Amino acid sequence: MCAKRSQPTNWASLLQQELNKNARTPPGTGWLTRDELKATWKVGFHKLYTVLNKLIAQNKVEKFEGFVYTNGKSCTRTWYRIK
């Protein structure tokens, strides 16, 4: 039989916190992911990328490529911020 711990800890959330310290996320506020923009603008992915590429070319949108950890795995993410 296993001995009881005096203070139970949630090791999964502690691991996620440690991994997130190493994540590369955009600085500042106002950054949105592709899925958040899609839900906000209520358009499909093709239209979303068409508009985003046009706005990036016109220097009206900033793009940041980074990564976060999800379920212990590194996942690339792209954030966008309207200037």
N, C-alpha and C. Protein backbone atom coordinates (compact mmCIF):
# COMPACT_ATOMS: atom_id res chain seq x y z
N MET A 1 0.83 -1.17 0.00
CA MET A 1 0.00 0.00 0.00
C MET A 1 0.89 1.25 0.00
N CYS A 2 0.49 2.25 -0.76
CA CYS A 2 1.27 3.49 -0.86
C CYS A 2 1.05 4.36 0.36
N ALA A 3 2.09 5.03 0.75
CA ALA A 3 1.99 5.96 1.87
C ALA A 3 1.27 7.22 1.42
N LYS A 4 0.47 7.78 2.31
CA LYS A 4 -0.25 9.02 1.98
C LYS A 4 0.70 10.20 2.08
N ARG A 5 0.52 11.12 1.18
CA ARG A 5 1.32 12.34 1.21
C ARG A 5 0.64 13.34 2.13
N SER A 6 1.45 14.10 2.83
CA SER A 6 0.88 15.08 3.74
C SER A 6 0.25 16.25 2.98
N GLN A 7 0.84 16.63 1.86
CA GLN A 7 0.30 17.71 1.04
C GLN A 7 0.19 17.21 -0.40
N PRO A 8 -1.01 16.90 -0.86
CA PRO A 8 -1.15 16.43 -2.23
C PRO A 8 -0.84 17.56 -3.21
N THR A 9 -0.15 17.21 -4.27
CA THR A 9 0.19 18.21 -5.29
C THR A 9 -0.37 17.76 -6.63
N ASN A 10 -0.69 18.70 -7.42
CA ASN A 10 -1.16 18.42 -8.76
C ASN A 10 0.05 18.49 -9.69
N TRP A 11 0.71 17.37 -9.90
CA TRP A 11 1.97 17.34 -10.64
C TRP A 11 1.79 17.74 -12.10
N ALA A 12 0.63 17.45 -12.67
CA ALA A 12 0.41 17.80 -14.08
C ALA A 12 0.38 19.31 -14.27
N SER A 13 -0.29 20.02 -13.38
CA SER A 13 -0.34 21.48 -13.53
C SER A 13 1.02 22.10 -13.22
N LEU A 14 1.76 21.52 -12.27
CA LEU A 14 3.11 22.02 -12.00
C LEU A 14 4.03 21.82 -13.19
N LEU A 15 3.92 20.67 -13.83
CA LEU A 15 4.72 20.41 -15.03
C LEU A 15 4.36 21.39 -16.14
N GLN A 16 3.06 21.64 -16.34
CA GLN A 16 2.61 22.58 -17.37
C GLN A 16 3.15 23.98 -17.09
N GLN A 17 3.15 24.40 -15.82
CA GLN A 17 3.68 25.72 -15.46
C GLN A 17 5.16 25.83 -15.77
N GLU A 18 5.92 24.78 -15.49
CA GLU A 18 7.35 24.79 -15.77
C GLU A 18 7.62 24.85 -17.28
N LEU A 19 6.84 24.08 -18.03
CA LEU A 19 7.02 24.09 -19.48
C LEU A 19 6.65 25.45 -20.07
N ASN A 20 5.60 26.07 -19.55
CA ASN A 20 5.17 27.36 -20.07
C ASN A 20 6.18 28.47 -19.79
N LYS A 21 7.05 28.28 -18.80
CA LYS A 21 8.11 29.26 -18.56
C LYS A 21 9.07 29.32 -19.74
N ASN A 22 9.21 28.21 -20.47
CA ASN A 22 10.11 28.15 -21.62
C ASN A 22 9.41 28.46 -22.93
N ALA A 23 8.11 28.67 -22.90
CA ALA A 23 7.37 28.96 -24.13
C ALA A 23 7.78 30.31 -24.69
N ARG A 24 7.67 30.45 -26.01
CA ARG A 24 7.97 31.73 -26.67
C ARG A 24 6.66 32.33 -27.13
N THR A 25 6.16 33.28 -26.37
CA THR A 25 4.89 33.93 -26.68
C THR A 25 5.14 35.40 -27.00
N PRO A 26 4.19 36.04 -27.67
CA PRO A 26 4.41 37.43 -28.08
C PRO A 26 4.42 38.39 -26.90
N PRO A 27 5.24 39.43 -27.00
CA PRO A 27 5.28 40.43 -25.94
C PRO A 27 4.10 41.39 -26.04
N GLY A 28 3.66 41.90 -24.93
CA GLY A 28 2.60 42.89 -24.95
C GLY A 28 1.21 42.27 -25.01
N THR A 29 0.24 43.13 -25.32
CA THR A 29 -1.15 42.70 -25.36
C THR A 29 -1.72 42.89 -26.75
N GLY A 30 -2.90 42.34 -26.98
CA GLY A 30 -3.60 42.53 -28.23
C GLY A 30 -3.32 41.47 -29.28
N TRP A 31 -2.59 40.42 -28.93
CA TRP A 31 -2.26 39.36 -29.87
C TRP A 31 -3.37 38.32 -29.91
N LEU A 32 -3.74 37.88 -31.11
CA LEU A 32 -4.77 36.87 -31.29
C LEU A 32 -4.25 35.75 -32.18
N THR A 33 -4.69 34.53 -31.91
CA THR A 33 -4.33 33.39 -32.75
C THR A 33 -5.27 33.31 -33.94
N ARG A 34 -4.96 32.41 -34.83
CA ARG A 34 -5.77 32.20 -36.03
C ARG A 34 -7.21 31.85 -35.65
N ASP A 35 -7.39 30.95 -34.71
CA ASP A 35 -8.73 30.53 -34.32
C ASP A 35 -9.52 31.65 -33.66
N GLU A 36 -8.85 32.49 -32.88
CA GLU A 36 -9.53 33.62 -32.25
C GLU A 36 -9.96 34.65 -33.30
N LEU A 37 -9.11 34.91 -34.28
CA LEU A 37 -9.49 35.83 -35.36
C LEU A 37 -10.63 35.28 -36.19
N LYS A 38 -10.60 33.99 -36.47
CA LYS A 38 -11.66 33.34 -37.25
C LYS A 38 -13.00 33.48 -36.56
N ALA A 39 -13.02 33.28 -35.24
CA ALA A 39 -14.26 33.39 -34.48
C ALA A 39 -14.73 34.84 -34.40
N THR A 40 -13.79 35.77 -34.27
CA THR A 40 -14.14 37.19 -34.17
C THR A 40 -14.69 37.73 -35.48
N TRP A 41 -14.01 37.42 -36.59
CA TRP A 41 -14.40 37.94 -37.89
C TRP A 41 -15.47 37.10 -38.57
N LYS A 42 -15.73 35.90 -38.07
CA LYS A 42 -16.74 34.99 -38.61
C LYS A 42 -16.55 34.75 -40.11
N VAL A 43 -15.32 34.33 -40.45
CA VAL A 43 -14.99 33.98 -41.84
C VAL A 43 -14.33 32.61 -41.84
N GLY A 44 -14.17 32.03 -43.01
CA GLY A 44 -13.48 30.75 -43.15
C GLY A 44 -11.97 30.95 -43.18
N PHE A 45 -11.25 29.82 -43.18
CA PHE A 45 -9.79 29.90 -43.16
C PHE A 45 -9.22 30.53 -44.43
N HIS A 46 -9.79 30.22 -45.59
CA HIS A 46 -9.27 30.78 -46.84
C HIS A 46 -9.40 32.29 -46.84
N LYS A 47 -10.57 32.80 -46.50
CA LYS A 47 -10.79 34.24 -46.45
C LYS A 47 -9.91 34.89 -45.38
N LEU A 48 -9.77 34.22 -44.24
CA LEU A 48 -8.95 34.74 -43.15
C LEU A 48 -7.51 34.93 -43.60
N TYR A 49 -6.94 33.91 -44.22
CA TYR A 49 -5.54 34.01 -44.66
C TYR A 49 -5.37 34.99 -45.81
N THR A 50 -6.37 35.10 -46.67
CA THR A 50 -6.31 36.09 -47.76
C THR A 50 -6.25 37.50 -47.19
N VAL A 51 -7.13 37.78 -46.24
CA VAL A 51 -7.17 39.11 -45.63
C VAL A 51 -5.90 39.37 -44.81
N LEU A 52 -5.47 38.38 -44.01
CA LEU A 52 -4.27 38.56 -43.20
C LEU A 52 -3.03 38.81 -44.06
N ASN A 53 -2.86 38.05 -45.12
CA ASN A 53 -1.70 38.25 -45.99
C ASN A 53 -1.72 39.63 -46.64
N LYS A 54 -2.89 40.10 -47.01
CA LYS A 54 -3.01 41.43 -47.61
C LYS A 54 -2.66 42.51 -46.58
N LEU A 55 -3.17 42.35 -45.35
CA LEU A 55 -2.89 43.33 -44.30
C LEU A 55 -1.43 43.30 -43.86
N ILE A 56 -0.83 42.12 -43.84
CA ILE A 56 0.60 42.03 -43.51
C ILE A 56 1.44 42.72 -44.57
N ALA A 57 1.08 42.54 -45.85
CA ALA A 57 1.81 43.20 -46.94
C ALA A 57 1.68 44.72 -46.86
N GLN A 58 0.54 45.20 -46.36
CA GLN A 58 0.31 46.64 -46.21
C GLN A 58 0.87 47.17 -44.88
N ASN A 59 1.50 46.28 -44.10
CA ASN A 59 2.09 46.62 -42.81
C ASN A 59 1.05 47.13 -41.81
N LYS A 60 -0.16 46.57 -41.87
CA LYS A 60 -1.21 46.94 -40.94
C LYS A 60 -1.41 45.90 -39.84
N VAL A 61 -0.77 44.73 -40.01
CA VAL A 61 -0.87 43.65 -39.03
C VAL A 61 0.52 43.13 -38.74
N GLU A 62 0.80 42.90 -37.45
CA GLU A 62 2.06 42.29 -37.04
C GLU A 62 1.86 40.79 -36.90
N LYS A 63 2.91 40.03 -37.19
CA LYS A 63 2.85 38.58 -37.10
C LYS A 63 3.99 38.12 -36.19
N PHE A 64 3.66 37.22 -35.25
CA PHE A 64 4.66 36.69 -34.33
C PHE A 64 4.56 35.17 -34.35
N GLU A 65 5.67 34.51 -34.64
CA GLU A 65 5.71 33.05 -34.66
C GLU A 65 6.45 32.57 -33.43
N GLY A 66 5.81 31.73 -32.64
CA GLY A 66 6.40 31.22 -31.42
C GLY A 66 5.92 29.82 -31.14
N PHE A 67 5.97 29.42 -29.87
CA PHE A 67 5.49 28.09 -29.50
C PHE A 67 5.03 28.08 -28.06
N VAL A 68 4.14 27.16 -27.78
CA VAL A 68 3.65 26.90 -26.43
C VAL A 68 3.68 25.40 -26.21
N TYR A 69 3.56 25.00 -24.97
CA TYR A 69 3.52 23.58 -24.64
C TYR A 69 2.08 23.18 -24.35
N THR A 70 1.62 22.14 -25.02
CA THR A 70 0.29 21.58 -24.80
C THR A 70 0.43 20.10 -24.53
N ASN A 71 -0.05 19.65 -23.40
CA ASN A 71 0.06 18.25 -22.99
C ASN A 71 1.50 17.76 -23.03
N GLY A 72 2.42 18.64 -22.65
CA GLY A 72 3.83 18.26 -22.58
C GLY A 72 4.56 18.29 -23.91
N LYS A 73 3.89 18.68 -24.99
CA LYS A 73 4.51 18.72 -26.31
C LYS A 73 4.60 20.16 -26.80
N SER A 74 5.66 20.47 -27.50
CA SER A 74 5.85 21.80 -28.05
C SER A 74 4.99 21.96 -29.31
N CYS A 75 4.17 23.00 -29.32
CA CYS A 75 3.28 23.27 -30.46
C CYS A 75 3.57 24.66 -30.99
N THR A 76 3.80 24.76 -32.29
CA THR A 76 4.04 26.07 -32.88
C THR A 76 2.73 26.85 -32.94
N ARG A 77 2.84 28.14 -32.75
CA ARG A 77 1.68 29.01 -32.81
C ARG A 77 2.07 30.29 -33.53
N THR A 78 1.11 30.89 -34.19
CA THR A 78 1.31 32.19 -34.82
C THR A 78 0.25 33.12 -34.27
N TRP A 79 0.71 34.27 -33.81
CA TRP A 79 -0.19 35.29 -33.29
C TRP A 79 -0.16 36.48 -34.22
N TYR A 80 -1.28 37.20 -34.26
CA TYR A 80 -1.42 38.39 -35.09
C TYR A 80 -1.93 39.54 -34.23
N ARG A 81 -1.43 40.75 -34.55
CA ARG A 81 -1.90 41.94 -33.83
C ARG A 81 -2.11 43.05 -34.85
N ILE A 82 -3.31 43.62 -34.80
CA ILE A 82 -3.64 44.72 -35.70
C ILE A 82 -3.03 45.99 -35.15
N LYS A 83 -2.30 46.71 -36.00
CA LYS A 83 -1.61 47.93 -35.57
C LYS A 83 -2.58 49.07 -35.42
